[in-house]
């Protein structure tokens, strides 16, 4: 799944900083969901 994300961002012409910003938010959201399940 994560390998496909860069291609989607390239097609949308999103900058690398935006991609990193989005990735950190996605990871943070994922961590919160994992912690809530424990």
PDB file of N, CA and C in Angstrom:
ATOM      1  N   UNK A   1       0.823  -1.210   0.000  1.00  0.00           N
ATOM      2  CA  UNK A   1       0.000   0.000   0.000  1.00  0.00           C
ATOM      3  C   UNK A   1       0.858   1.261   0.000  1.00  0.00           C
ATOM      4  N   UNK A   2       1.835   1.304   0.908  1.00  0.00           N
ATOM      5  CA  UNK A   2       2.652   2.510   1.045  1.00  0.00           C
ATOM      6  C   UNK A   2       3.505   2.785  -0.186  1.00  0.00           C
ATOM      7  N   UNK A   3       3.782   1.734  -0.993  1.00  0.00           N
ATOM      8  CA  UNK A   3       4.574   1.962  -2.199  1.00  0.00           C
ATOM      9  C   UNK A   3       3.765   2.744  -3.241  1.00  0.00           C
ATOM     10  N   UNK A   4       2.446   2.613  -3.183  1.00  0.00           N
ATOM     11  CA  UNK A   4       1.595   3.271  -4.178  1.00  0.00           C
ATOM     12  C   UNK A   4       1.386   4.757  -3.878  1.00  0.00           C
ATOM     13  N   UNK A   5       1.530   5.140  -2.628  1.00  0.00           N
ATOM     14  CA  UNK A   5       1.265   6.531  -2.234  1.00  0.00           C
ATOM     15  C   UNK A   5       2.141   7.544  -2.992  1.00  0.00           C
ATOM     16  N   UNK A   6       3.470   7.338  -3.102  1.00  0.00           N
ATOM     17  CA  UNK A   6       4.302   8.304  -3.831  1.00  0.00           C
ATOM     18  C   UNK A   6       3.831   8.521  -5.273  1.00  0.00           C
ATOM     19  N   UNK A   7       3.402   7.482  -5.953  1.00  0.00           N
ATOM     20  CA  UNK A   7       2.920   7.622  -7.330  1.00  0.00           C
ATOM     21  C   UNK A   7       1.678   8.498  -7.385  1.00  0.00           C
ATOM     22  N   UNK A   8       0.791   8.303  -6.426  1.00  0.00           N
ATOM     23  CA  UNK A   8      -0.428   9.119  -6.370  1.00  0.00           C
ATOM     24  C   UNK A   8      -0.058  10.581  -6.158  1.00  0.00           C
ATOM     25  N   UNK A   9       0.905  10.827  -5.284  1.00  0.00           N
ATOM     26  CA  UNK A   9       1.319  12.206  -5.007  1.00  0.00           C
ATOM     27  C   UNK A   9       2.031  12.819  -6.199  1.00  0.00           C
ATOM     28  N   UNK A  10       2.791  12.006  -6.932  1.00  0.00           N
ATOM     29  CA  UNK A  10       3.471  12.520  -8.129  1.00  0.00           C
ATOM     30  C   UNK A  10       2.447  12.951  -9.172  1.00  0.00           C
ATOM     31  N   UNK A  11       1.389  12.174  -9.326  1.00  0.00           N
ATOM     32  CA  UNK A  11       0.349  12.521 -10.295  1.00  0.00           C
ATOM     33  C   UNK A  11      -0.372  13.800  -9.880  1.00  0.00           C
ATOM     34  N   UNK A  12      -0.525  14.000  -8.583  1.00  0.00           N
ATOM     35  CA  UNK A  12      -1.198  15.198  -8.082  1.00  0.00           C
ATOM     36  C   UNK A  12      -0.245  16.386  -7.986  1.00  0.00           C
ATOM     37  N   UNK A  13       1.038  16.131  -8.310  1.00  0.00           N
ATOM     38  CA  UNK A  13       2.055  17.193  -8.292  1.00  0.00           C
ATOM     39  C   UNK A  13       2.202  17.793  -6.886  1.00  0.00           C
ATOM     40  N   UNK A  14       2.268  16.917  -5.902  1.00  0.00           N
ATOM     41  CA  UNK A  14       2.447  17.356  -4.519  1.00  0.00           C
ATOM     42  C   UNK A  14       3.937  17.340  -4.174  1.00  0.00           C
ATOM     43  N   UNK A  15       4.387  18.329  -3.457  1.00  0.00           N
ATOM     44  CA  UNK A  15       5.806  18.428  -3.123  1.00  0.00           C
ATOM     45  C   UNK A  15       6.196  17.397  -2.072  1.00  0.00           C
ATOM     46  N   UNK A  16       7.491  17.144  -1.952  1.00  0.00           N
ATOM     47  CA  UNK A  16       7.985  16.143  -1.010  1.00  0.00           C
ATOM     48  C   UNK A  16       7.669  16.551   0.419  1.00  0.00           C
ATOM     49  N   UNK A  17       7.753  17.817   0.728  1.00  0.00           N
ATOM     50  CA  UNK A  17       7.464  18.271   2.097  1.00  0.00           C
ATOM     51  C   UNK A  17       6.008  17.996   2.461  1.00  0.00           C
ATOM     52  N   UNK A  18       5.120  18.190   1.496  1.00  0.00           N
ATOM     53  CA  UNK A  18       3.705  17.895   1.746  1.00  0.00           C
ATOM     54  C   UNK A  18       3.500  16.408   1.968  1.00  0.00           C
ATOM     55  N   UNK A  19       4.246  15.602   1.201  1.00  0.00           N
ATOM     56  CA  UNK A  19       4.134  14.151   1.342  1.00  0.00           C
ATOM     57  C   UNK A  19       4.628  13.704   2.712  1.00  0.00           C
ATOM     58  N   UNK A  20       5.733  14.279   3.170  1.00  0.00           N
ATOM     59  CA  UNK A  20       6.271  13.936   4.500  1.00  0.00           C
ATOM     60  C   UNK A  20       5.292  14.401   5.578  1.00  0.00           C
ATOM     61  N   UNK A  21       4.747  15.570   5.387  1.00  0.00           N
ATOM     62  CA  UNK A  21       3.786  16.117   6.353  1.00  0.00           C
ATOM     63  C   UNK A  21       2.581  15.194   6.469  1.00  0.00           C
ATOM     64  N   UNK A  22       2.081  14.748   5.310  1.00  0.00           N
ATOM     65  CA  UNK A  22       0.930  13.845   5.284  1.00  0.00           C
ATOM     66  C   UNK A  22       1.279  12.499   5.919  1.00  0.00           C
ATOM     67  N   UNK A  23       2.483  12.006   5.634  1.00  0.00           N
ATOM     68  CA  UNK A  23       2.904  10.699   6.158  1.00  0.00           C
ATOM     69  C   UNK A  23       2.986  10.717   7.676  1.00  0.00           C
ATOM     70  N   UNK A  24       3.517  11.790   8.239  1.00  0.00           N
ATOM     71  CA  UNK A  24       3.641  11.866   9.688  1.00  0.00           C
ATOM     72  C   UNK A  24       2.262  11.901  10.348  1.00  0.00           C
ATOM     73  N   UNK A  25       1.328  12.614   9.718  1.00  0.00           N
ATOM     74  CA  UNK A  25      -0.033  12.644  10.256  1.00  0.00           C
ATOM     75  C   UNK A  25      -0.681  11.271  10.165  1.00  0.00           C
ATOM     76  N   UNK A  26      -0.422  10.582   9.049  1.00  0.00           N
ATOM     77  CA  UNK A  26      -0.989   9.253   8.862  1.00  0.00           C
ATOM     78  C   UNK A  26      -0.426   8.289   9.900  1.00  0.00           C
ATOM     79  N   UNK A  27       0.877   8.363  10.144  1.00  0.00           N
ATOM     80  CA  UNK A  27       1.504   7.499  11.146  1.00  0.00           C
ATOM     81  C   UNK A  27       0.983   7.824  12.540  1.00  0.00           C
ATOM     82  N   UNK A  28       0.833   9.097  12.834  1.00  0.00           N
ATOM     83  CA  UNK A  28       0.340   9.519  14.142  1.00  0.00           C
ATOM     84  C   UNK A  28      -1.082   8.992  14.366  1.00  0.00           C
ATOM     85  N   UNK A  29      -1.927   9.112  13.347  1.00  0.00           N
ATOM     86  CA  UNK A  29      -3.299   8.630  13.426  1.00  0.00           C
ATOM     87  C   UNK A  29      -3.317   7.115  13.622  1.00  0.00           C
ATOM     88  N   UNK A  30      -2.418   6.416  12.911  1.00  0.00           N
ATOM     89  CA  UNK A  30      -2.335   4.957  13.022  1.00  0.00           C
ATOM     90  C   UNK A  30      -1.890   4.545  14.424  1.00  0.00           C
ATOM     91  N   UNK A  31      -0.925   5.266  14.970  1.00  0.00           N
ATOM     92  CA  UNK A  31      -0.445   4.959  16.323  1.00  0.00           C
ATOM     93  C   UNK A  31      -1.554   5.156  17.351  1.00  0.00           C
ATOM     94  N   UNK A  32      -2.331   6.207  17.195  1.00  0.00           N
ATOM     95  CA  UNK A  32      -3.438   6.453  18.129  1.00  0.00           C
ATOM     96  C   UNK A  32      -4.456   5.326  18.063  1.00  0.00           C
ATOM     97  N   UNK A  33      -4.750   4.841  16.853  1.00  0.00           N
ATOM     98  CA  UNK A  33      -5.720   3.759  16.706  1.00  0.00           C
ATOM     99  C   UNK A  33      -5.200   2.484  17.337  1.00  0.00           C
ATOM    100  N   UNK A  34      -3.901   2.222  17.178  1.00  0.00           N
ATOM    101  CA  UNK A  34      -3.314   1.005  17.752  1.00  0.00           C
ATOM    102  C   UNK A  34      -3.342   1.087  19.277  1.00  0.00           C
ATOM    103  N   UNK A  35      -3.007   2.259  19.816  1.00  0.00           N
ATOM    104  CA  UNK A  35      -3.004   2.427  21.279  1.00  0.00           C
ATOM    105  C   UNK A  35      -4.407   2.274  21.846  1.00  0.00           C
ATOM    106  N   UNK A  36      -5.399   2.770  21.125  1.00  0.00           N
ATOM    107  CA  UNK A  36      -6.779   2.681  21.611  1.00  0.00           C
ATOM    108  C   UNK A  36      -7.285   1.244  21.611  1.00  0.00           C
ATOM    109  N   UNK A  37      -6.752   0.428  20.729  1.00  0.00           N
ATOM    110  CA  UNK A  37      -7.191  -0.967  20.661  1.00  0.00           C
ATOM    111  C   UNK A  37      -6.605  -1.793  21.793  1.00  0.00           C
ATOM    112  N   UNK A  38      -5.462  -1.360  22.349  1.00  0.00           N
ATOM    113  CA  UNK A  38      -4.820  -2.128  23.419  1.00  0.00           C
ATOM    114  C   UNK A  38      -5.609  -2.000  24.720  1.00  0.00           C
TER     115      UNK A  38
END
